[in-house]
Amino acid sequence: RSCLGKNISFIQMKMVAIALLRNFQFEVVEGHNVSPCIS
């Protein structure tokens, strides 16, 4: 039942990361708490 799209998913995630990190600098807003919402 392994995902057939695993490899292409990694390619896409890397492409998005490259596009964002090459063009922007990110800083989490001070005091912002990141917490998961389980659904």
Full PDB file with SEQRES, HELIX, SHEET, SSBOND, CRYST1, ORIGX, SCALE, CONECT and MASTER records, all heavy atoms in Angstrom:
SEQRES   1 A   39  ARG SER CYS LEU GLY LYS ASN ILE SER PHE ILE GLN MET          
SEQRES   2 A   39  LYS MET VAL ALA ILE ALA LEU LEU ARG ASN PHE GLN PHE          
SEQRES   3 A   39  GLU VAL VAL GLU GLY HIS ASN VAL SER PRO CYS ILE SER          
HELIX    1 AA1 LYS A    6  ASN A   23  1                                  18    
CRYST1    1.000    1.000    1.000  90.00  90.00  90.00 P 1           1          
ORIGX1      1.000000  0.000000  0.000000        0.00000                         
ORIGX2      0.000000  1.000000  0.000000        0.00000                         
ORIGX3      0.000000  0.000000  1.000000        0.00000                         
SCALE1      1.000000  0.000000  0.000000        0.00000                         
SCALE2      0.000000  1.000000  0.000000        0.00000                         
SCALE3      0.000000  0.000000  1.000000        0.00000                         
ATOM      1  N   ARG A   1       0.815  -1.218   0.000  1.00  0.00           N  
ATOM      2  CA  ARG A   1       0.000   0.000   0.000  1.00  0.00           C  
ATOM      3  C   ARG A   1       0.850   1.270   0.000  1.00  0.00           C  
ATOM      4  O   ARG A   1       0.363   2.354   0.237  1.00  0.00           O  
ATOM      5  CB  ARG A   1      -0.930   0.024   1.221  1.00  0.00           C  
ATOM      6  CG  ARG A   1      -1.871  -1.151   1.328  1.00  0.00           C  
ATOM      7  CD  ARG A   1      -3.059  -0.992   0.381  1.00  0.00           C  
ATOM      8  NE  ARG A   1      -4.051  -2.020   0.598  1.00  0.00           N  
ATOM      9  CZ  ARG A   1      -4.168  -3.103  -0.141  1.00  0.00           C  
ATOM     10  NH1 ARG A   1      -3.345  -3.309  -1.139  1.00  0.00           N  
ATOM     11  NH2 ARG A   1      -5.104  -3.980   0.105  1.00  0.00           N  
ATOM     12  N   SER A   2       2.155   1.135  -0.260  1.00  0.00           N  
ATOM     13  CA  SER A   2       3.036   2.302  -0.287  1.00  0.00           C  
ATOM     14  C   SER A   2       2.590   3.279  -1.365  1.00  0.00           C  
ATOM     15  O   SER A   2       2.139   2.872  -2.436  1.00  0.00           O  
ATOM     16  CB  SER A   2       4.488   1.885  -0.554  1.00  0.00           C  
ATOM     17  OG  SER A   2       5.018   1.232   0.565  1.00  0.00           O  
ATOM     18  N   CYS A   3       2.756   4.547  -1.077  1.00  0.00           N  
ATOM     19  CA  CYS A   3       2.365   5.608  -1.999  1.00  0.00           C  
ATOM     20  C   CYS A   3       3.221   5.572  -3.264  1.00  0.00           C  
ATOM     21  O   CYS A   3       4.446   5.649  -3.194  1.00  0.00           O  
ATOM     22  CB  CYS A   3       2.510   6.960  -1.304  1.00  0.00           C  
ATOM     23  SG  CYS A   3       2.142   8.363  -2.361  1.00  0.00           S  
ATOM     24  N   LEU A   4       2.573   5.467  -4.396  1.00  0.00           N  
ATOM     25  CA  LEU A   4       3.294   5.450  -5.667  1.00  0.00           C  
ATOM     26  C   LEU A   4       3.898   6.815  -5.987  1.00  0.00           C  
ATOM     27  O   LEU A   4       4.846   6.908  -6.746  1.00  0.00           O  
ATOM     28  CB  LEU A   4       2.349   5.038  -6.805  1.00  0.00           C  
ATOM     29  CG  LEU A   4       1.786   3.625  -6.719  1.00  0.00           C  
ATOM     30  CD1 LEU A   4       0.766   3.402  -7.840  1.00  0.00           C  
ATOM     31  CD2 LEU A   4       2.896   2.603  -6.794  1.00  0.00           C  
ATOM     32  N   GLY A   5       3.364   7.863  -5.383  1.00  0.00           N  
ATOM     33  CA  GLY A   5       3.829   9.215  -5.659  1.00  0.00           C  
ATOM     34  C   GLY A   5       4.875   9.730  -4.698  1.00  0.00           C  
ATOM     35  O   GLY A   5       5.182  10.924  -4.704  1.00  0.00           O  
ATOM     36  N   LYS A   6       5.459   8.853  -3.877  1.00  0.00           N  
ATOM     37  CA  LYS A   6       6.430   9.293  -2.869  1.00  0.00           C  
ATOM     38  C   LYS A   6       7.590  10.065  -3.495  1.00  0.00           C  
ATOM     39  O   LYS A   6       7.915  11.172  -3.049  1.00  0.00           O  
ATOM     40  CB  LYS A   6       6.962   8.086  -2.094  1.00  0.00           C  
ATOM     41  CG  LYS A   6       8.024   8.431  -1.082  1.00  0.00           C  
ATOM     42  CD  LYS A   6       8.526   7.193  -0.366  1.00  0.00           C  
ATOM     43  CE  LYS A   6       9.653   7.516   0.585  1.00  0.00           C  
ATOM     44  NZ  LYS A   6      10.133   6.324   1.289  1.00  0.00           N  
ATOM     45  N   ASN A   7       8.214   9.522  -4.520  1.00  0.00           N  
ATOM     46  CA  ASN A   7       9.373  10.177  -5.125  1.00  0.00           C  
ATOM     47  C   ASN A   7       9.020  11.513  -5.753  1.00  0.00           C  
ATOM     48  O   ASN A   7       9.747  12.494  -5.589  1.00  0.00           O  
ATOM     49  CB  ASN A   7      10.048   9.256  -6.142  1.00  0.00           C  
ATOM     50  CG  ASN A   7      10.692   8.057  -5.473  1.00  0.00           C  
ATOM     51  OD1 ASN A   7      11.045   8.105  -4.294  1.00  0.00           O  
ATOM     52  ND2 ASN A   7      10.832   6.976  -6.199  1.00  0.00           N  
ATOM     53  N   ILE A   8       7.907  11.571  -6.461  1.00  0.00           N  
ATOM     54  CA  ILE A   8       7.510  12.845  -7.075  1.00  0.00           C  
ATOM     55  C   ILE A   8       7.114  13.854  -6.004  1.00  0.00           C  
ATOM     56  O   ILE A   8       7.323  15.053  -6.163  1.00  0.00           O  
ATOM     57  CB  ILE A   8       6.399  12.657  -8.140  1.00  0.00           C  
ATOM     58  CG1 ILE A   8       6.234  13.906  -9.012  1.00  0.00           C  
ATOM     59  CG2 ILE A   8       5.072  12.326  -7.513  1.00  0.00           C  
ATOM     60  CD1 ILE A   8       7.326  14.117  -9.986  1.00  0.00           C  
ATOM     61  N   SER A   9       6.587  13.381  -4.884  1.00  0.00           N  
ATOM     62  CA  SER A   9       6.256  14.272  -3.767  1.00  0.00           C  
ATOM     63  C   SER A   9       7.512  14.936  -3.223  1.00  0.00           C  
ATOM     64  O   SER A   9       7.512  16.137  -2.941  1.00  0.00           O  
ATOM     65  CB  SER A   9       5.563  13.512  -2.638  1.00  0.00           C  
ATOM     66  OG  SER A   9       4.333  12.997  -3.061  1.00  0.00           O  
ATOM     67  N   PHE A  10       8.586  14.163  -3.078  1.00  0.00           N  
ATOM     68  CA  PHE A  10       9.847  14.740  -2.596  1.00  0.00           C  
ATOM     69  C   PHE A  10      10.401  15.745  -3.607  1.00  0.00           C  
ATOM     70  O   PHE A  10      10.913  16.799  -3.227  1.00  0.00           O  
ATOM     71  CB  PHE A  10      10.873  13.656  -2.284  1.00  0.00           C  
ATOM     72  CG  PHE A  10      10.747  13.119  -0.889  1.00  0.00           C  
ATOM     73  CD1 PHE A  10      10.202  11.874  -0.671  1.00  0.00           C  
ATOM     74  CD2 PHE A  10      11.158  13.868   0.206  1.00  0.00           C  
ATOM     75  CE1 PHE A  10      10.071  11.372   0.617  1.00  0.00           C  
ATOM     76  CE2 PHE A  10      11.028  13.384   1.495  1.00  0.00           C  
ATOM     77  CZ  PHE A  10      10.478  12.132   1.712  1.00  0.00           C  
ATOM     78  N   ILE A  11      10.285  15.444  -4.885  1.00  0.00           N  
ATOM     79  CA  ILE A  11      10.742  16.386  -5.913  1.00  0.00           C  
ATOM     80  C   ILE A  11       9.956  17.684  -5.798  1.00  0.00           C  
ATOM     81  O   ILE A  11      10.532  18.782  -5.810  1.00  0.00           O  
ATOM     82  CB  ILE A  11      10.599  15.773  -7.323  1.00  0.00           C  
ATOM     83  CG1 ILE A  11      11.626  14.649  -7.504  1.00  0.00           C  
ATOM     84  CG2 ILE A  11      10.756  16.837  -8.414  1.00  0.00           C  
ATOM     85  CD1 ILE A  11      11.421  13.812  -8.759  1.00  0.00           C  
ATOM     86  N   GLN A  12       8.638  17.594  -5.668  1.00  0.00           N  
ATOM     87  CA  GLN A  12       7.808  18.789  -5.564  1.00  0.00           C  
ATOM     88  C   GLN A  12       8.105  19.574  -4.291  1.00  0.00           C  
ATOM     89  O   GLN A  12       8.197  20.805  -4.326  1.00  0.00           O  
ATOM     90  CB  GLN A  12       6.329  18.412  -5.614  1.00  0.00           C  
ATOM     91  CG  GLN A  12       5.890  17.938  -6.973  1.00  0.00           C  
ATOM     92  CD  GLN A  12       4.448  17.471  -6.988  1.00  0.00           C  
ATOM     93  OE1 GLN A  12       3.920  16.997  -5.987  1.00  0.00           O  
ATOM     94  NE2 GLN A  12       3.814  17.585  -8.144  1.00  0.00           N  
ATOM     95  N   MET A  13       8.256  18.881  -3.152  1.00  0.00           N  
ATOM     96  CA  MET A  13       8.563  19.576  -1.899  1.00  0.00           C  
ATOM     97  C   MET A  13       9.900  20.298  -1.998  1.00  0.00           C  
ATOM     98  O   MET A  13      10.035  21.440  -1.522  1.00  0.00           O  
ATOM     99  CB  MET A  13       8.575  18.596  -0.720  1.00  0.00           C  
ATOM    100  CG  MET A  13       7.207  18.085  -0.333  1.00  0.00           C  
ATOM    101  SD  MET A  13       7.216  17.062   1.159  1.00  0.00           S  
ATOM    102  CE  MET A  13       7.954  15.544   0.580  1.00  0.00           C  
ATOM    103  N   LYS A  14      10.881  19.666  -2.622  1.00  0.00           N  
ATOM    104  CA  LYS A  14      12.194  20.299  -2.774  1.00  0.00           C  
ATOM    105  C   LYS A  14      12.103  21.513  -3.689  1.00  0.00           C  
ATOM    106  O   LYS A  14      12.715  22.561  -3.417  1.00  0.00           O  
ATOM    107  CB  LYS A  14      13.214  19.295  -3.312  1.00  0.00           C  
ATOM    108  CG  LYS A  14      13.603  18.252  -2.282  1.00  0.00           C  
ATOM    109  CD  LYS A  14      14.526  17.200  -2.873  1.00  0.00           C  
ATOM    110  CE  LYS A  14      14.821  16.103  -1.865  1.00  0.00           C  
ATOM    111  NZ  LYS A  14      15.680  15.044  -2.425  1.00  0.00           N  
ATOM    112  N   MET A  15      11.338  21.407  -4.755  1.00  0.00           N  
ATOM    113  CA  MET A  15      11.185  22.538  -5.670  1.00  0.00           C  
ATOM    114  C   MET A  15      10.515  23.727  -4.976  1.00  0.00           C  
ATOM    115  O   MET A  15      10.949  24.872  -5.148  1.00  0.00           O  
ATOM    116  CB  MET A  15      10.382  22.109  -6.905  1.00  0.00           C  
ATOM    117  CG  MET A  15      11.155  21.179  -7.816  1.00  0.00           C  
ATOM    118  SD  MET A  15      10.160  20.467  -9.149  1.00  0.00           S  
ATOM    119  CE  MET A  15       9.623  21.912 -10.032  1.00  0.00           C  
ATOM    120  N   VAL A  16       9.495  23.470  -4.195  1.00  0.00           N  
ATOM    121  CA  VAL A  16       8.813  24.545  -3.463  1.00  0.00           C  
ATOM    122  C   VAL A  16       9.767  25.169  -2.444  1.00  0.00           C  
ATOM    123  O   VAL A  16       9.856  26.394  -2.323  1.00  0.00           O  
ATOM    124  CB  VAL A  16       7.525  24.024  -2.783  1.00  0.00           C  
ATOM    125  CG1 VAL A  16       6.959  25.049  -1.820  1.00  0.00           C  
ATOM    126  CG2 VAL A  16       6.488  23.662  -3.841  1.00  0.00           C  
ATOM    127  N   ALA A  17      10.497  24.319  -1.718  1.00  0.00           N  
ATOM    128  CA  ALA A  17      11.450  24.832  -0.723  1.00  0.00           C  
ATOM    129  C   ALA A  17      12.509  25.703  -1.388  1.00  0.00           C  
ATOM    130  O   ALA A  17      12.827  26.792  -0.893  1.00  0.00           O  
ATOM    131  CB  ALA A  17      12.104  23.666   0.023  1.00  0.00           C  
ATOM    132  N   ILE A  18      13.039  25.262  -2.517  1.00  0.00           N  
ATOM    133  CA  ILE A  18      14.052  26.041  -3.230  1.00  0.00           C  
ATOM    134  C   ILE A  18      13.469  27.385  -3.663  1.00  0.00           C  
ATOM    135  O   ILE A  18      14.075  28.434  -3.452  1.00  0.00           O  
ATOM    136  CB  ILE A  18      14.579  25.269  -4.459  1.00  0.00           C  
ATOM    137  CG1 ILE A  18      15.363  24.038  -4.014  1.00  0.00           C  
ATOM    138  CG2 ILE A  18      15.443  26.166  -5.332  1.00  0.00           C  
ATOM    139  CD1 ILE A  18      15.633  23.044  -5.140  1.00  0.00           C  
ATOM    140  N   ALA A  19      12.285  27.356  -4.267  1.00  0.00           N  
ATOM    141  CA  ALA A  19      11.661  28.590  -4.749  1.00  0.00           C  
ATOM    142  C   ALA A  19      11.442  29.584  -3.612  1.00  0.00           C  
ATOM    143  O   ALA A  19      11.717  30.781  -3.757  1.00  0.00           O  
ATOM    144  CB  ALA A  19      10.340  28.273  -5.440  1.00  0.00           C  
ATOM    145  N   LEU A  20      10.966  29.107  -2.471  1.00  0.00           N  
ATOM    146  CA  LEU A  20      10.701  30.001  -1.347  1.00  0.00           C  
ATOM    147  C   LEU A  20      11.988  30.484  -0.680  1.00  0.00           C  
ATOM    148  O   LEU A  20      12.154  31.678  -0.415  1.00  0.00           O  
ATOM    149  CB  LEU A  20       9.803  29.320  -0.316  1.00  0.00           C  
ATOM    150  CG  LEU A  20       8.369  29.062  -0.761  1.00  0.00           C  
ATOM    151  CD1 LEU A  20       7.631  28.220   0.276  1.00  0.00           C  
ATOM    152  CD2 LEU A  20       7.637  30.377  -1.007  1.00  0.00           C  
ATOM    153  N   LEU A  21      12.895  29.566  -0.403  1.00  0.00           N  
ATOM    154  CA  LEU A  21      14.103  29.927   0.340  1.00  0.00           C  
ATOM    155  C   LEU A  21      15.089  30.741  -0.478  1.00  0.00           C  
ATOM    156  O   LEU A  21      15.873  31.506   0.078  1.00  0.00           O  
ATOM    157  CB  LEU A  21      14.771  28.669   0.900  1.00  0.00           C  
ATOM    158  CG  LEU A  21      13.934  27.920   1.944  1.00  0.00           C  
ATOM    159  CD1 LEU A  21      14.594  26.598   2.319  1.00  0.00           C  
ATOM    160  CD2 LEU A  21      13.702  28.783   3.163  1.00  0.00           C  
ATOM    161  N   ARG A  22      15.074  30.603  -1.800  1.00  0.00           N  
ATOM    162  CA  ARG A  22      15.948  31.424  -2.661  1.00  0.00           C  
ATOM    163  C   ARG A  22      15.473  32.866  -2.714  1.00  0.00           C  
ATOM    164  O   ARG A  22      16.261  33.766  -2.952  1.00  0.00           O  
ATOM    165  CB  ARG A  22      15.950  30.874  -4.085  1.00  0.00           C  
ATOM    166  CG  ARG A  22      16.870  29.719  -4.319  1.00  0.00           C  
ATOM    167  CD  ARG A  22      16.754  29.260  -5.753  1.00  0.00           C  
ATOM    168  NE  ARG A  22      17.050  30.330  -6.692  1.00  0.00           N  
ATOM    169  CZ  ARG A  22      18.048  30.316  -7.554  1.00  0.00           C  
ATOM    170  NH1 ARG A  22      18.835  29.280  -7.610  1.00  0.00           N  
ATOM    171  NH2 ARG A  22      18.251  31.318  -8.375  1.00  0.00           N  
ATOM    172  N   ASN A  23      14.171  33.071  -2.538  1.00  0.00           N  
ATOM    173  CA  ASN A  23      13.605  34.398  -2.766  1.00  0.00           C  
ATOM    174  C   ASN A  23      13.146  35.144  -1.517  1.00  0.00           C  
ATOM    175  O   ASN A  23      12.883  36.336  -1.590  1.00  0.00           O  
ATOM    176  CB  ASN A  23      12.417  34.280  -3.732  1.00  0.00           C  
ATOM    177  CG  ASN A  23      12.869  33.816  -5.100  1.00  0.00           C  
ATOM    178  OD1 ASN A  23      13.686  34.446  -5.736  1.00  0.00           O  
ATOM    179  ND2 ASN A  23      12.357  32.667  -5.529  1.00  0.00           N  
ATOM    180  N   PHE A  24      13.020  34.437  -0.397  1.00  0.00           N  
ATOM    181  CA  PHE A  24      12.488  35.074   0.802  1.00  0.00           C  
ATOM    182  C   PHE A  24      13.260  34.647   2.040  1.00  0.00           C  
ATOM    183  O   PHE A  24      13.830  33.559   2.078  1.00  0.00           O  
ATOM    184  CB  PHE A  24      11.009  34.709   1.007  1.00  0.00           C  
ATOM    185  CG  PHE A  24      10.134  35.074  -0.153  1.00  0.00           C  
ATOM    186  CD1 PHE A  24       9.765  34.107  -1.085  1.00  0.00           C  
ATOM    187  CD2 PHE A  24       9.674  36.363  -0.319  1.00  0.00           C  
ATOM    188  CE1 PHE A  24       8.951  34.421  -2.159  1.00  0.00           C  
ATOM    189  CE2 PHE A  24       8.863  36.699  -1.393  1.00  0.00           C  
ATOM    190  CZ  PHE A  24       8.502  35.729  -2.316  1.00  0.00           C  
ATOM    191  N   GLN A  25      13.228  35.499   3.053  1.00  0.00           N  
ATOM    192  CA  GLN A  25      13.725  35.155   4.380  1.00  0.00           C  
ATOM    193  C   GLN A  25      12.514  35.145   5.292  1.00  0.00           C  
ATOM    194  O   GLN A  25      11.724  36.093   5.289  1.00  0.00           O  
ATOM    195  CB  GLN A  25      14.733  36.178   4.886  1.00  0.00           C  
ATOM    196  CG  GLN A  25      16.030  36.172   4.132  1.00  0.00           C  
ATOM    197  CD  GLN A  25      17.001  37.209   4.679  1.00  0.00           C  
ATOM    198  OE1 GLN A  25      16.649  38.036   5.504  1.00  0.00           O  
ATOM    199  NE2 GLN A  25      18.224  37.148   4.196  1.00  0.00           N  
ATOM    200  N   PHE A  26      12.361  34.076   6.058  1.00  0.00           N  
ATOM    201  CA  PHE A  26      11.198  33.920   6.925  1.00  0.00           C  
ATOM    202  C   PHE A  26      11.617  34.006   8.381  1.00  0.00           C  
ATOM    203  O   PHE A  26      12.660  33.487   8.764  1.00  0.00           O  
ATOM    204  CB  PHE A  26      10.517  32.553   6.696  1.00  0.00           C  
ATOM    205  CG  PHE A  26       9.969  32.381   5.318  1.00  0.00           C  
ATOM    206  CD1 PHE A  26      10.734  31.803   4.312  1.00  0.00           C  
ATOM    207  CD2 PHE A  26       8.687  32.793   5.018  1.00  0.00           C  
ATOM    208  CE1 PHE A  26      10.229  31.642   3.037  1.00  0.00           C  
ATOM    209  CE2 PHE A  26       8.165  32.634   3.746  1.00  0.00           C  
ATOM    210  CZ  PHE A  26       8.948  32.060   2.751  1.00  0.00           C  
ATOM    211  N   GLU A  27      10.769  34.643   9.168  1.00  0.00           N  
ATOM    212  CA  GLU A  27      10.962  34.692  10.605  1.00  0.00           C  
ATOM    213  C   GLU A  27       9.591  34.536  11.256  1.00  0.00           C  
ATOM    214  O   GLU A  27       8.656  35.274  10.918  1.00  0.00           O  
ATOM    215  CB  GLU A  27      11.583  36.029  11.005  1.00  0.00           C  
ATOM    216  CG  GLU A  27      11.923  36.146  12.463  1.00  0.00           C  
ATOM    217  CD  GLU A  27      12.550  37.491  12.790  1.00  0.00           C  
ATOM    218  OE1 GLU A  27      13.243  38.060  11.932  1.00  0.00           O  
ATOM    219  OE2 GLU A  27      12.310  37.962  13.910  1.00  0.00           O  
ATOM    220  N   VAL A  28       9.472  33.556  12.146  1.00  0.00           N  
ATOM    221  CA  VAL A  28       8.200  33.346  12.835  1.00  0.00           C  
ATOM    222  C   VAL A  28       7.933  34.559  13.722  1.00  0.00           C  
ATOM    223  O   VAL A  28       8.828  35.055  14.407  1.00  0.00           O  
ATOM    224  CB  VAL A  28       8.225  32.050  13.680  1.00  0.00           C  
ATOM    225  CG1 VAL A  28       6.929  31.872  14.455  1.00  0.00           C  
ATOM    226  CG2 VAL A  28       8.457  30.843  12.767  1.00  0.00           C  
ATOM    227  N   VAL A  29       6.711  35.066  13.683  1.00  0.00           N  
ATOM    228  CA  VAL A  29       6.325  36.229  14.475  1.00  0.00           C  
ATOM    229  C   VAL A  29       6.540  35.917  15.955  1.00  0.00           C  
ATOM    230  O   VAL A  29       6.159  34.841  16.438  1.00  0.00           O  
ATOM    231  CB  VAL A  29       4.847  36.613  14.199  1.00  0.00           C  
ATOM    232  CG1 VAL A  29       4.365  37.683  15.154  1.00  0.00           C  
ATOM    233  CG2 VAL A  29       4.681  37.046  12.751  1.00  0.00           C  
ATOM    234  N   GLU A  30       7.160  36.849  16.652  1.00  0.00           N  
ATOM    235  CA  GLU A  30       7.460  36.655  18.069  1.00  0.00           C  
ATOM    236  C   GLU A  30       6.177  36.388  18.853  1.00  0.00           C  
ATOM    237  O   GLU A  30       5.169  37.061  18.677  1.00  0.00           O  
ATOM    238  CB  GLU A  30       8.162  37.898  18.622  1.00  0.00           C  
ATOM    239  CG  GLU A  30       8.717  37.704  20.014  1.00  0.00           C  
ATOM    240  CD  GLU A  30       9.521  38.893  20.494  1.00  0.00           C  
ATOM    241  OE1 GLU A  30      10.110  39.594  19.635  1.00  0.00           O  
ATOM    242  OE2 GLU A  30       9.554  39.122  21.705  1.00  0.00           O  
ATOM    243  N   GLY A  31       6.229  35.379  19.701  1.00  0.00           N  
ATOM    244  CA  GLY A  31       5.083  35.011  20.530  1.00  0.00           C  
ATOM    245  C   GLY A  31       4.089  34.084  19.860  1.00  0.00           C  
ATOM    246  O   GLY A  31       3.171  33.592  20.512  1.00  0.00           O  
ATOM    247  N   HIS A  32       4.277  33.830  18.547  1.00  0.00           N  
ATOM    248  CA  HIS A  32       3.358  32.929  17.840  1.00  0.00           C  
ATOM    249  C   HIS A  32       3.645  31.488  18.240  1.00  0.00           C  
ATOM    250  O   HIS A  32       4.784  31.030  18.200  1.00  0.00           O  
ATOM    251  CB  HIS A  32       3.488  33.090  16.334  1.00  0.00           C  
ATOM    252  CG  HIS A  32       2.642  32.145  15.542  1.00  0.00           C  
ATOM    253  ND1 HIS A  32       1.273  32.124  15.628  1.00  0.00           N  
ATOM    254  CD2 HIS A  32       2.974  31.174  14.662  1.00  0.00           C  
ATOM    255  CE1 HIS A  32       0.792  31.179  14.825  1.00  0.00           C  
ATOM    256  NE2 HIS A  32       1.812  30.600  14.230  1.00  0.00           N  
ATOM    257  N   ASN A  33       2.627  30.780  18.641  1.00  0.00           N  
ATOM    258  CA  ASN A  33       2.763  29.389  19.050  1.00  0.00           C  
ATOM    259  C   ASN A  33       2.216  28.486  17.951  1.00  0.00           C  
ATOM    260  O   ASN A  33       1.047  28.591  17.590  1.00  0.00           O  
ATOM    261  CB  ASN A  33       2.005  29.148  20.362  1.00  0.00           C  
ATOM    262  CG  ASN A  33       2.180  27.734  20.869  1.00  0.00           C  
ATOM    263  OD1 ASN A  33       3.132  27.061  20.532  1.00  0.00           O  
ATOM    264  ND2 ASN A  33       1.251  27.295  21.692  1.00  0.00           N  
ATOM    265  N   VAL A  34       3.069  27.634  17.433  1.00  0.00           N  
ATOM    266  CA  VAL A  34       2.653  26.689  16.403  1.00  0.00           C  
ATOM    267  C   VAL A  34       2.208  25.407  17.092  1.00  0.00           C  
ATOM    268  O   VAL A  34       2.979  24.782  17.806  1.00  0.00           O  
ATOM    269  CB  VAL A  34       3.800  26.391  15.421  1.00  0.00           C  
ATOM    270  CG1 VAL A  34       3.370  25.370  14.385  1.00  0.00           C  
ATOM    271  CG2 VAL A  34       4.271  27.668  14.751  1.00  0.00           C  
ATOM    272  N   SER A  35       0.948  25.060  16.897  1.00  0.00           N  
ATOM    273  CA  SER A  35       0.444  23.819  17.483  1.00  0.00           C  
ATOM    274  C   SER A  35      -0.446  23.115  16.462  1.00  0.00           C  
ATOM    275  O   SER A  35      -1.144  23.762  15.687  1.00  0.00           O  
ATOM    276  CB  SER A  35      -0.320  24.097  18.777  1.00  0.00           C  
ATOM    277  OG  SER A  35      -1.374  24.994  18.546  1.00  0.00           O  
ATOM    278  N   PRO A  36      -0.409  21.784  16.471  1.00  0.00           N  
ATOM    279  CA  PRO A  36      -1.188  21.041  15.482  1.00  0.00           C  
ATOM    280  C   PRO A  36      -2.672  21.019  15.819  1.00  0.00           C  
ATOM    281  O   PRO A  36      -3.069  21.082  16.975  1.00  0.00           O  
ATOM    282  CB  PRO A  36      -0.596  19.634  15.554  1.00  0.00           C  
ATOM    283  CG  PRO A  36      -0.055  19.523  16.931  1.00  0.00           C  
ATOM    284  CD  PRO A  36       0.387  20.893  17.326  1.00  0.00           C  
ATOM    285  N   CYS A  37      -3.461  20.960  14.777  1.00  0.00           N  
ATOM    286  CA  CYS A  37      -4.902  20.774  14.914  1.00  0.00           C  
ATOM    287  C   CYS A  37      -5.197  19.412  14.293  1.00  0.00           C  
ATOM    288  O   CYS A  37      -5.122  19.244  13.082  1.00  0.00           O  
ATOM    289  CB  CYS A  37      -5.655  21.878  14.189  1.00  0.00           C  
ATOM    290  SG  CYS A  37      -7.435  21.742  14.348  1.00  0.00           S  
ATOM    291  N   ILE A  38      -5.459  18.455  15.135  1.00  0.00           N  
ATOM    292  CA  ILE A  38      -5.672  17.093  14.663  1.00  0.00           C  
ATOM    293  C   ILE A  38      -7.037  16.993  13.985  1.00  0.00           C  
ATOM    294  O   ILE A  38      -8.063  17.346  14.562  1.00  0.00           O  
ATOM    295  CB  ILE A  38      -5.595  16.091  15.833  1.00  0.00           C  
ATOM    296  CG1 ILE A  38      -4.296  16.255  16.614  1.00  0.00           C  
ATOM    297  CG2 ILE A  38      -5.784  14.670  15.346  1.00  0.00           C  
ATOM    298  CD1 ILE A  38      -3.083  15.665  15.994  1.00  0.00           C  
ATOM    299  N   SER A  39      -7.024  16.537  12.768  1.00  0.00           N  
ATOM    300  CA  SER A  39      -8.249  16.285  12.007  1.00  0.00           C  
ATOM    301  C   SER A  39      -7.902  15.210  10.983  1.00  0.00           C  
ATOM    302  O   SER A  39      -6.872  14.561  11.103  1.00  0.00           O  
ATOM    303  CB  SER A  39      -8.733  17.584  11.340  1.00  0.00           C  
ATOM    304  OG  SER A  39      -7.810  18.004  10.368  1.00  0.00           O  
TER     305      SER A  39                                                      
MASTER        0    0    0    1    0    0    0    6  304    1    0    3          
END                                                                             
